[in-house]
């Protein structure tokens, strides 16, 4: 029987983006939280690594499957119109490097 409530403060944009994805998947937030808690119990810890990489991933350090996943994610974002124009990205990068 579900008789406990979990309350957490999160950034609004993160919450909205995650909930939009879950809605598209047809998965209630409570199911995801319950699943996470069950995995924590099962694994006796966080069910994913909490580490800071020592070096950034590059084309020669990631697997083909990981690259395919990243490209697929980027393509899906672009198809939904969620991307940014490439020129804007490079302009922003140049500005940040000049500081």
PDB file of N, CA and C in Angstrom:
ATOM      1  N   UNK A   1       0.841  -1.179   0.000  1.00  0.00           N
ATOM      2  CA  UNK A   1       0.000   0.000   0.000  1.00  0.00           C
ATOM      3  C   UNK A   1       0.886   1.242   0.000  1.00  0.00           C
ATOM      4  N   UNK A   2       0.582   2.178  -0.890  1.00  0.00           N
ATOM      5  CA  UNK A   2       1.332   3.422  -0.984  1.00  0.00           C
ATOM      6  C   UNK A   2       0.754   4.422   0.012  1.00  0.00           C
ATOM      7  N   UNK A   3       1.541   4.722   1.055  1.00  0.00           N
ATOM      8  CA  UNK A   3       1.022   5.622   2.079  1.00  0.00           C
ATOM      9  C   UNK A   3       2.050   6.671   2.516  1.00  0.00           C
ATOM     10  N   UNK A   4       3.097   6.890   1.714  1.00  0.00           N
ATOM     11  CA  UNK A   4       4.093   7.905   2.032  1.00  0.00           C
ATOM     12  C   UNK A   4       4.213   8.895   0.886  1.00  0.00           C
ATOM     13  N   UNK A   5       4.580  10.116   1.228  1.00  0.00           N
ATOM     14  CA  UNK A   5       4.764  11.170   0.239  1.00  0.00           C
ATOM     15  C   UNK A   5       6.217  11.595   0.238  1.00  0.00           C
ATOM     16  N   UNK A   6       6.759  11.821  -0.950  1.00  0.00           N
ATOM     17  CA  UNK A   6       8.113  12.320  -1.114  1.00  0.00           C
ATOM     18  C   UNK A   6       8.013  13.746  -1.637  1.00  0.00           C
ATOM     19  N   UNK A   7       8.757  14.646  -1.036  1.00  0.00           N
ATOM     20  CA  UNK A   7       8.747  16.038  -1.474  1.00  0.00           C
ATOM     21  C   UNK A   7      10.189  16.479  -1.689  1.00  0.00           C
ATOM     22  N   UNK A   8      10.444  17.095  -2.827  1.00  0.00           N
ATOM     23  CA  UNK A   8      11.794  17.569  -3.132  1.00  0.00           C
ATOM     24  C   UNK A   8      11.695  18.856  -3.935  1.00  0.00           C
ATOM     25  N   UNK A   9      12.634  19.769  -3.714  1.00  0.00           N
ATOM     26  CA  UNK A   9      12.684  21.002  -4.495  1.00  0.00           C
ATOM     27  C   UNK A   9      13.688  20.798  -5.626  1.00  0.00           C
ATOM     28  N   UNK A  10      13.226  21.074  -6.832  1.00  0.00           N
ATOM     29  CA  UNK A  10      14.070  20.930  -8.012  1.00  0.00           C
ATOM     30  C   UNK A  10      13.908  22.171  -8.890  1.00  0.00           C
ATOM     31  N   UNK A  11      14.852  22.369  -9.796  1.00  0.00           N
ATOM     32  CA  UNK A  11      14.768  23.486 -10.719  1.00  0.00           C
ATOM     33  C   UNK A  11      13.550  23.299 -11.622  1.00  0.00           C
ATOM     34  N   UNK A  12      12.789  24.368 -11.815  1.00  0.00           N
ATOM     35  CA  UNK A  12      11.537  24.301 -12.558  1.00  0.00           C
ATOM     36  C   UNK A  12      11.722  23.783 -13.980  1.00  0.00           C
ATOM     37  N   UNK A  13      12.753  24.270 -14.695  1.00  0.00           N
ATOM     38  CA  UNK A  13      12.932  23.834 -16.078  1.00  0.00           C
ATOM     39  C   UNK A  13      13.307  22.356 -16.157  1.00  0.00           C
ATOM     40  N   UNK A  14      14.071  21.869 -15.193  1.00  0.00           N
ATOM     41  CA  UNK A  14      14.443  20.451 -15.148  1.00  0.00           C
ATOM     42  C   UNK A  14      13.197  19.612 -14.889  1.00  0.00           C
ATOM     43  N   UNK A  15      12.400  20.039 -13.921  1.00  0.00           N
ATOM     44  CA  UNK A  15      11.152  19.330 -13.600  1.00  0.00           C
ATOM     45  C   UNK A  15      10.244  19.269 -14.816  1.00  0.00           C
ATOM     46  N   UNK A  16      10.032  20.400 -15.472  1.00  0.00           N
ATOM     47  CA  UNK A  16       9.125  20.447 -16.614  1.00  0.00           C
ATOM     48  C   UNK A  16       9.610  19.578 -17.763  1.00  0.00           C
ATOM     49  N   UNK A  17      10.911  19.637 -18.061  1.00  0.00           N
ATOM     50  CA  UNK A  17      11.443  18.841 -19.165  1.00  0.00           C
ATOM     51  C   UNK A  17      11.303  17.345 -18.873  1.00  0.00           C
ATOM     52  N   UNK A  18      11.647  16.953 -17.656  1.00  0.00           N
ATOM     53  CA  UNK A  18      11.538  15.534 -17.283  1.00  0.00           C
ATOM     54  C   UNK A  18      10.082  15.076 -17.312  1.00  0.00           C
ATOM     55  N   UNK A  19       9.179  15.888 -16.786  1.00  0.00           N
ATOM     56  CA  UNK A  19       7.767  15.501 -16.763  1.00  0.00           C
ATOM     57  C   UNK A  19       7.170  15.445 -18.164  1.00  0.00           C
ATOM     58  N   UNK A  20       7.627  16.328 -19.057  1.00  0.00           N
ATOM     59  CA  UNK A  20       7.162  16.264 -20.454  1.00  0.00           C
ATOM     60  C   UNK A  20       7.562  14.940 -21.095  1.00  0.00           C
ATOM     61  N   UNK A  21       8.800  14.525 -20.840  1.00  0.00           N
ATOM     62  CA  UNK A  21       9.282  13.254 -21.393  1.00  0.00           C
ATOM     63  C   UNK A  21       8.482  12.093 -20.813  1.00  0.00           C
ATOM     64  N   UNK A  22       8.289  12.104 -19.490  1.00  0.00           N
ATOM     65  CA  UNK A  22       7.530  11.030 -18.854  1.00  0.00           C
ATOM     66  C   UNK A  22       6.098  10.979 -19.375  1.00  0.00           C
ATOM     67  N   UNK A  23       5.503  12.153 -19.615  1.00  0.00           N
ATOM     68  CA  UNK A  23       4.138  12.191 -20.153  1.00  0.00           C
ATOM     69  C   UNK A  23       4.095  11.542 -21.529  1.00  0.00           C
ATOM     70  N   UNK A  24       5.088  11.845 -22.372  1.00  0.00           N
ATOM     71  CA  UNK A  24       5.146  11.241 -23.710  1.00  0.00           C
ATOM     72  C   UNK A  24       5.307   9.725 -23.619  1.00  0.00           C
ATOM     73  N   UNK A  25       6.028   9.276 -22.596  1.00  0.00           N
ATOM     74  CA  UNK A  25       6.215   7.841 -22.391  1.00  0.00           C
ATOM     75  C   UNK A  25       5.023   7.182 -21.713  1.00  0.00           C
ATOM     76  N   UNK A  26       4.133   7.990 -21.157  1.00  0.00           N
ATOM     77  CA  UNK A  26       2.981   7.451 -20.451  1.00  0.00           C
ATOM     78  C   UNK A  26       3.333   6.881 -19.090  1.00  0.00           C
ATOM     79  N   UNK A  27       4.384   7.445 -18.468  1.00  0.00           N
ATOM     80  CA  UNK A  27       4.846   6.942 -17.171  1.00  0.00           C
ATOM     81  C   UNK A  27       4.650   8.026 -16.110  1.00  0.00           C
ATOM     82  N   UNK A  28       3.857   7.760 -15.074  1.00  0.00           N
ATOM     83  CA  UNK A  28       3.675   8.740 -14.001  1.00  0.00           C
ATOM     84  C   UNK A  28       4.980   8.970 -13.215  1.00  0.00           C
ATOM     85  N   UNK A  29       5.142  10.190 -12.733  1.00  0.00           N
ATOM     86  CA  UNK A  29       6.327  10.538 -11.950  1.00  0.00           C
ATOM     87  C   UNK A  29       6.451   9.609 -10.744  1.00  0.00           C
ATOM     88  N   UNK A  30       5.339   9.279 -10.119  1.00  0.00           N
ATOM     89  CA  UNK A  30       5.388   8.427  -8.923  1.00  0.00           C
ATOM     90  C   UNK A  30       5.966   7.051  -9.245  1.00  0.00           C
ATOM     91  N   UNK A  31       5.709   6.546 -10.438  1.00  0.00           N
ATOM     92  CA  UNK A  31       6.252   5.239 -10.845  1.00  0.00           C
ATOM     93  C   UNK A  31       7.773   5.329 -10.974  1.00  0.00           C
ATOM     94  N   UNK A  32       8.262   6.434 -11.544  1.00  0.00           N
ATOM     95  CA  UNK A  32       9.710   6.608 -11.698  1.00  0.00           C
ATOM     96  C   UNK A  32      10.383   6.720 -10.337  1.00  0.00           C
ATOM     97  N   UNK A  33       9.801   7.504  -9.442  1.00  0.00           N
ATOM     98  CA  UNK A  33      10.387   7.655  -8.103  1.00  0.00           C
ATOM     99  C   UNK A  33      10.362   6.325  -7.356  1.00  0.00           C
ATOM    100  N   UNK A  34       9.257   5.610  -7.422  1.00  0.00           N
ATOM    101  CA  UNK A  34       9.162   4.306  -6.769  1.00  0.00           C
ATOM    102  C   UNK A  34      10.199   3.338  -7.341  1.00  0.00           C
ATOM    103  N   UNK A  35      10.372   3.365  -8.665  1.00  0.00           N
ATOM    104  CA  UNK A  35      11.366   2.498  -9.315  1.00  0.00           C
ATOM    105  C   UNK A  35      12.777   2.859  -8.876  1.00  0.00           C
ATOM    106  N   UNK A  36      13.059   4.156  -8.794  1.00  0.00           N
ATOM    107  CA  UNK A  36      14.383   4.594  -8.334  1.00  0.00           C
ATOM    108  C   UNK A  36      14.639   4.099  -6.914  1.00  0.00           C
ATOM    109  N   UNK A  37      13.678   4.268  -6.036  1.00  0.00           N
ATOM    110  CA  UNK A  37      13.844   3.809  -4.654  1.00  0.00           C
ATOM    111  C   UNK A  37      14.068   2.296  -4.598  1.00  0.00           C
ATOM    112  N   UNK A  38      13.327   1.550  -5.404  1.00  0.00           N
ATOM    113  CA  UNK A  38      13.499   0.088  -5.419  1.00  0.00           C
ATOM    114  C   UNK A  38      14.900  -0.296  -5.906  1.00  0.00           C
ATOM    115  N   UNK A  39      15.409   0.439  -6.913  1.00  0.00           N
ATOM    116  CA  UNK A  39      16.754   0.162  -7.410  1.00  0.00           C
ATOM    117  C   UNK A  39      17.819   0.515  -6.366  1.00  0.00           C
ATOM    118  N   UNK A  40      17.605   1.579  -5.615  1.00  0.00           N
ATOM    119  CA  UNK A  40      18.532   1.936  -4.537  1.00  0.00           C
ATOM    120  C   UNK A  40      18.585   0.802  -3.511  1.00  0.00           C
ATOM    121  N   UNK A  41      17.427   0.271  -3.162  1.00  0.00           N
ATOM    122  CA  UNK A  41      17.376  -0.847  -2.215  1.00  0.00           C
ATOM    123  C   UNK A  41      18.052  -2.074  -2.811  1.00  0.00           C
ATOM    124  N   UNK A  42      17.704  -2.419  -4.043  1.00  0.00           N
ATOM    125  CA  UNK A  42      18.245  -3.610  -4.704  1.00  0.00           C
ATOM    126  C   UNK A  42      19.761  -3.546  -4.828  1.00  0.00           C
ATOM    127  N   UNK A  43      20.270  -2.384  -5.216  1.00  0.00           N
ATOM    128  CA  UNK A  43      21.716  -2.247  -5.438  1.00  0.00           C
ATOM    129  C   UNK A  43      22.478  -1.776  -4.200  1.00  0.00           C
ATOM    130  N   UNK A  44      21.738  -1.442  -3.169  1.00  0.00           N
ATOM    131  CA  UNK A  44      22.342  -0.930  -1.941  1.00  0.00           C
ATOM    132  C   UNK A  44      23.179   0.321  -2.216  1.00  0.00           C
ATOM    133  N   UNK A  45      22.661   1.175  -3.078  1.00  0.00           N
ATOM    134  CA  UNK A  45      23.338   2.417  -3.439  1.00  0.00           C
ATOM    135  C   UNK A  45      22.643   3.068  -4.619  1.00  0.00           C
ATOM    136  N   UNK A  46      23.210   4.146  -5.087  1.00  0.00           N
ATOM    137  CA  UNK A  46      22.670   4.858  -6.248  1.00  0.00           C
ATOM    138  C   UNK A  46      22.844   3.965  -7.477  1.00  0.00           C
ATOM    139  N   UNK A  47      21.794   3.791  -8.291  1.00  0.00           N
ATOM    140  CA  UNK A  47      21.869   2.838  -9.402  1.00  0.00           C
ATOM    141  C   UNK A  47      22.548   3.366 -10.665  1.00  0.00           C
ATOM    142  N   UNK A  48      23.307   4.422 -10.531  1.00  0.00           N
ATOM    143  CA  UNK A  48      24.090   4.936 -11.652  1.00  0.00           C
ATOM    144  C   UNK A  48      25.317   5.613 -11.065  1.00  0.00           C
ATOM    145  N   UNK A  49      26.401   5.708 -11.841  1.00  0.00           N
ATOM    146  CA  UNK A  49      27.636   6.273 -11.282  1.00  0.00           C
ATOM    147  C   UNK A  49      27.514   7.775 -11.017  1.00  0.00           C
ATOM    148  N   UNK A  50      28.045   8.199  -9.897  1.00  0.00           N
ATOM    149  CA  UNK A  50      28.116   9.611  -9.552  1.00  0.00           C
ATOM    150  C   UNK A  50      29.594   9.997  -9.541  1.00  0.00           C
ATOM    151  N   UNK A  51      30.121  10.224 -10.705  1.00  0.00           N
ATOM    152  CA  UNK A  51      31.539  10.534 -10.825  1.00  0.00           C
ATOM    153  C   UNK A  51      31.730  11.732 -11.743  1.00  0.00           C
ATOM    154  N   UNK A  52      32.868  12.366 -11.586  1.00  0.00           N
ATOM    155  CA  UNK A  52      33.266  13.440 -12.480  1.00  0.00           C
ATOM    156  C   UNK A  52      34.329  12.858 -13.404  1.00  0.00           C
ATOM    157  N   UNK A  53      34.084  12.878 -14.716  1.00  0.00           N
ATOM    158  CA  UNK A  53      35.088  12.306 -15.621  1.00  0.00           C
ATOM    159  C   UNK A  53      36.393  13.088 -15.551  1.00  0.00           C
ATOM    160  N   UNK A  54      37.490  12.374 -15.675  1.00  0.00           N
ATOM    161  CA  UNK A  54      38.790  13.030 -15.611  1.00  0.00           C
ATOM    162  C   UNK A  54      39.139  13.726 -16.910  1.00  0.00           C
ATOM    163  N   UNK A  55      38.535  13.272 -17.994  1.00  0.00           N
ATOM    164  CA  UNK A  55      38.756  13.928 -19.278  1.00  0.00           C
ATOM    165  C   UNK A  55      37.467  13.865 -20.078  1.00  0.00           C
ATOM    166  N   UNK A  56      37.257  14.829 -20.952  1.00  0.00           N
ATOM    167  CA  UNK A  56      36.013  14.816 -21.720  1.00  0.00           C
ATOM    168  C   UNK A  56      35.961  13.660 -22.710  1.00  0.00           C
ATOM    169  N   UNK A  57      34.750  13.212 -23.016  1.00  0.00           N
ATOM    170  CA  UNK A  57      34.577  12.179 -24.033  1.00  0.00           C
ATOM    171  C   UNK A  57      34.865  12.770 -25.405  1.00  0.00           C
ATOM    172  N   UNK A  58      35.590  12.034 -26.200  1.00  0.00           N
ATOM    173  CA  UNK A  58      35.856  12.430 -27.580  1.00  0.00           C
ATOM    174  C   UNK A  58      35.462  11.270 -28.473  1.00  0.00           C
ATOM    175  N   UNK A  59      35.456  11.520 -29.767  1.00  0.00           N
ATOM    176  CA  UNK A  59      35.049  10.489 -30.733  1.00  0.00           C
ATOM    177  C   UNK A  59      35.827   9.192 -30.553  1.00  0.00           C
ATOM    178  N   UNK A  60      37.103   9.291 -30.184  1.00  0.00           N
ATOM    179  CA  UNK A  60      37.908   8.078 -30.067  1.00  0.00           C
ATOM    180  C   UNK A  60      37.835   7.425 -28.686  1.00  0.00           C
ATOM    181  N   UNK A  61      37.077   8.023 -27.750  1.00  0.00           N
ATOM    182  CA  UNK A  61      36.980   7.427 -26.415  1.00  0.00           C
ATOM    183  C   UNK A  61      35.594   6.890 -26.093  1.00  0.00           C
ATOM    184  N   UNK A  62      34.619   7.101 -26.985  1.00  0.00           N
ATOM    185  CA  UNK A  62      33.278   6.576 -26.723  1.00  0.00           C
ATOM    186  C   UNK A  62      32.959   5.446 -27.691  1.00  0.00           C
ATOM    187  N   UNK A  63      32.066   4.596 -27.273  1.00  0.00           N
ATOM    188  CA  UNK A  63      31.694   3.450 -28.111  1.00  0.00           C
ATOM    189  C   UNK A  63      30.783   3.906 -29.254  1.00  0.00           C
ATOM    190  N   UNK A  64      30.699   3.070 -30.263  1.00  0.00           N
ATOM    191  CA  UNK A  64      29.800   3.357 -31.380  1.00  0.00           C
ATOM    192  C   UNK A  64      28.359   3.460 -30.899  1.00  0.00           C
ATOM    193  N   UNK A  65      27.979   2.610 -29.957  1.00  0.00           N
ATOM    194  CA  UNK A  65      26.613   2.633 -29.429  1.00  0.00           C
ATOM    195  C   UNK A  65      26.331   3.949 -28.707  1.00  0.00           C
ATOM    196  N   UNK A  66      27.301   4.422 -27.912  1.00  0.00           N
ATOM    197  CA  UNK A  66      27.122   5.685 -27.198  1.00  0.00           C
ATOM    198  C   UNK A  66      27.015   6.842 -28.184  1.00  0.00           C
ATOM    199  N   UNK A  67      27.842   6.821 -29.214  1.00  0.00           N
ATOM    200  CA  UNK A  67      27.773   7.867 -30.235  1.00  0.00           C
ATOM    201  C   UNK A  67      26.423   7.832 -30.943  1.00  0.00           C
ATOM    202  N   UNK A  68      25.952   6.642 -31.286  1.00  0.00           N
ATOM    203  CA  UNK A  68      24.647   6.509 -31.924  1.00  0.00           C
ATOM    204  C   UNK A  68      23.537   7.070 -31.032  1.00  0.00           C
ATOM    205  N   UNK A  69      23.610   6.792 -29.727  1.00  0.00           N
ATOM    206  CA  UNK A  69      22.610   7.315 -28.792  1.00  0.00           C
ATOM    207  C   UNK A  69      22.631   8.840 -28.767  1.00  0.00           C
ATOM    208  N   UNK A  70      23.826   9.425 -28.685  1.00  0.00           N
ATOM    209  CA  UNK A  70      23.937  10.883 -28.640  1.00  0.00           C
ATOM    210  C   UNK A  70      23.415  11.517 -29.922  1.00  0.00           C
ATOM    211  N   UNK A  71      23.788  10.932 -31.065  1.00  0.00           N
ATOM    212  CA  UNK A  71      23.329  11.471 -32.341  1.00  0.00           C
ATOM    213  C   UNK A  71      21.817  11.318 -32.487  1.00  0.00           C
ATOM    214  N   UNK A  72      21.285  10.190 -32.038  1.00  0.00           N
ATOM    215  CA  UNK A  72      19.838   9.980 -32.086  1.00  0.00           C
ATOM    216  C   UNK A  72      19.095  10.990 -31.232  1.00  0.00           C
ATOM    217  N   UNK A  73      19.631  11.249 -30.041  1.00  0.00           N
ATOM    218  CA  UNK A  73      19.029  12.239 -29.141  1.00  0.00           C
ATOM    219  C   UNK A  73      19.055  13.618 -29.788  1.00  0.00           C
ATOM    220  N   UNK A  74      20.188  13.977 -30.371  1.00  0.00           N
ATOM    221  CA  UNK A  74      20.322  15.287 -31.019  1.00  0.00           C
ATOM    222  C   UNK A  74      19.377  15.407 -32.205  1.00  0.00           C
ATOM    223  N   UNK A  75      19.264  14.346 -32.981  1.00  0.00           N
ATOM    224  CA  UNK A  75      18.358  14.365 -34.128  1.00  0.00           C
ATOM    225  C   UNK A  75      16.914  14.556 -33.672  1.00  0.00           C
ATOM    226  N   UNK A  76      16.525  13.839 -32.624  1.00  0.00           N
ATOM    227  CA  UNK A  76      15.161  13.954 -32.109  1.00  0.00           C
ATOM    228  C   UNK A  76      14.880  15.368 -31.620  1.00  0.00           C
ATOM    229  N   UNK A  77      15.848  15.977 -30.932  1.00  0.00           N
ATOM    230  CA  UNK A  77      15.684  17.365 -30.481  1.00  0.00           C
ATOM    231  C   UNK A  77      15.501  18.290 -31.676  1.00  0.00           C
ATOM    232  N   UNK A  78      16.317  18.096 -32.683  1.00  0.00           N
ATOM    233  CA  UNK A  78      16.226  18.926 -33.882  1.00  0.00           C
ATOM    234  C   UNK A  78      14.876  18.756 -34.566  1.00  0.00           C
ATOM    235  N   UNK A  79      14.412  17.524 -34.667  1.00  0.00           N
ATOM    236  CA  UNK A  79      13.125  17.257 -35.305  1.00  0.00           C
ATOM    237  C   UNK A  79      11.973  17.915 -34.549  1.00  0.00           C
ATOM    238  N   UNK A  80      12.132  18.061 -33.235  1.00  0.00           N
ATOM    239  CA  UNK A  80      11.107  18.727 -32.422  1.00  0.00           C
ATOM    240  C   UNK A  80      11.280  20.244 -32.431  1.00  0.00           C
ATOM    241  N   UNK A  81      12.315  20.740 -33.117  1.00  0.00           N
ATOM    242  CA  UNK A  81      12.563  22.177 -33.173  1.00  0.00           C
ATOM    243  C   UNK A  81      13.173  22.741 -31.909  1.00  0.00           C
ATOM    244  N   UNK A  82      13.840  21.898 -31.129  1.00  0.00           N
ATOM    245  CA  UNK A  82      14.399  22.330 -29.848  1.00  0.00           C
ATOM    246  C   UNK A  82      15.862  22.752 -29.945  1.00  0.00           C
ATOM    247  N   UNK A  83      16.426  22.680 -31.126  1.00  0.00           N
ATOM    248  CA  UNK A  83      17.845  23.024 -31.275  1.00  0.00           C
ATOM    249  C   UNK A  83      18.067  24.521 -31.372  1.00  0.00           C
ATOM    250  N   UNK A  84      19.335  24.878 -31.473  1.00  0.00           N
ATOM    251  CA  UNK A  84      19.729  26.264 -31.659  1.00  0.00           C
ATOM    252  C   UNK A  84      20.507  26.364 -32.958  1.00  0.00           C
ATOM    253  N   UNK A  85      20.411  27.490 -33.644  1.00  0.00           N
ATOM    254  CA  UNK A  85      21.183  27.651 -34.873  1.00  0.00           C
ATOM    255  C   UNK A  85      22.682  27.519 -34.587  1.00  0.00           C
ATOM    256  N   UNK A  86      23.373  26.807 -35.467  1.00  0.00           N
ATOM    257  CA  UNK A  86      24.797  26.550 -35.287  1.00  0.00           C
ATOM    258  C   UNK A  86      25.587  27.848 -35.140  1.00  0.00           C
ATOM    259  N   UNK A  87      25.235  28.845 -35.926  1.00  0.00           N
ATOM    260  CA  UNK A  87      25.937  30.136 -35.842  1.00  0.00           C
ATOM    261  C   UNK A  87      25.835  30.747 -34.458  1.00  0.00           C
ATOM    262  N   UNK A  88      24.665  30.644 -33.833  1.00  0.00           N
ATOM    263  CA  UNK A  88      24.486  31.180 -32.481  1.00  0.00           C
ATOM    264  C   UNK A  88      25.369  30.446 -31.474  1.00  0.00           C
ATOM    265  N   UNK A  89      25.463  29.139 -31.632  1.00  0.00           N
ATOM    266  CA  UNK A  89      26.297  28.342 -30.724  1.00  0.00           C
ATOM    267  C   UNK A  89      27.755  28.770 -30.848  1.00  0.00           C
ATOM    268  N   UNK A  90      28.249  28.891 -32.079  1.00  0.00           N
ATOM    269  CA  UNK A  90      29.648  29.286 -32.273  1.00  0.00           C
ATOM    270  C   UNK A  90      29.898  30.714 -31.802  1.00  0.00           C
ATOM    271  N   UNK A  91      28.946  31.622 -32.021  1.00  0.00           N
ATOM    272  CA  UNK A  91      29.092  32.990 -31.524  1.00  0.00           C
ATOM    273  C   UNK A  91      29.229  33.004 -30.009  1.00  0.00           C
ATOM    274  N   UNK A  92      28.409  32.208 -29.347  1.00  0.00           N
ATOM    275  CA  UNK A  92      28.461  32.129 -27.885  1.00  0.00           C
ATOM    276  C   UNK A  92      29.804  31.549 -27.416  1.00  0.00           C
ATOM    277  N   UNK A  93      30.272  30.512 -28.106  1.00  0.00           N
ATOM    278  CA  UNK A  93      31.557  29.927 -27.750  1.00  0.00           C
ATOM    279  C   UNK A  93      32.691  30.932 -27.927  1.00  0.00           C
ATOM    280  N   UNK A  94      32.680  31.655 -29.024  1.00  0.00           N
ATOM    281  CA  UNK A  94      33.727  32.657 -29.272  1.00  0.00           C
ATOM    282  C   UNK A  94      33.712  33.732 -28.202  1.00  0.00           C
ATOM    283  N   UNK A  95      32.532  34.198 -27.812  1.00  0.00           N
ATOM    284  CA  UNK A  95      32.425  35.215 -26.775  1.00  0.00           C
ATOM    285  C   UNK A  95      32.991  34.704 -25.452  1.00  0.00           C
ATOM    286  N   UNK A  96      32.682  33.457 -25.110  1.00  0.00           N
ATOM    287  CA  UNK A  96      33.162  32.910 -23.844  1.00  0.00           C
ATOM    288  C   UNK A  96      34.673  32.700 -23.852  1.00  0.00           C
ATOM    289  N   UNK A  97      35.259  32.446 -25.009  1.00  0.00           N
ATOM    290  CA  UNK A  97      36.708  32.257 -25.095  1.00  0.00           C
ATOM    291  C   UNK A  97      37.467  33.569 -25.043  1.00  0.00           C
ATOM    292  N   UNK A  98      36.826  34.661 -25.428  1.00  0.00           N
ATOM    293  CA  UNK A  98      37.484  35.971 -25.445  1.00  0.00           C
ATOM    294  C   UNK A  98      37.518  36.610 -24.070  1.00  0.00           C
ATOM    295  N   UNK A  99      36.751  36.109 -23.139  1.00  0.00           N
ATOM    296  CA  UNK A  99      36.692  36.707 -21.783  1.00  0.00           C
ATOM    297  C   UNK A  99      37.917  36.422 -20.998  1.00  0.00           C
TER     298      UNK A  99
END
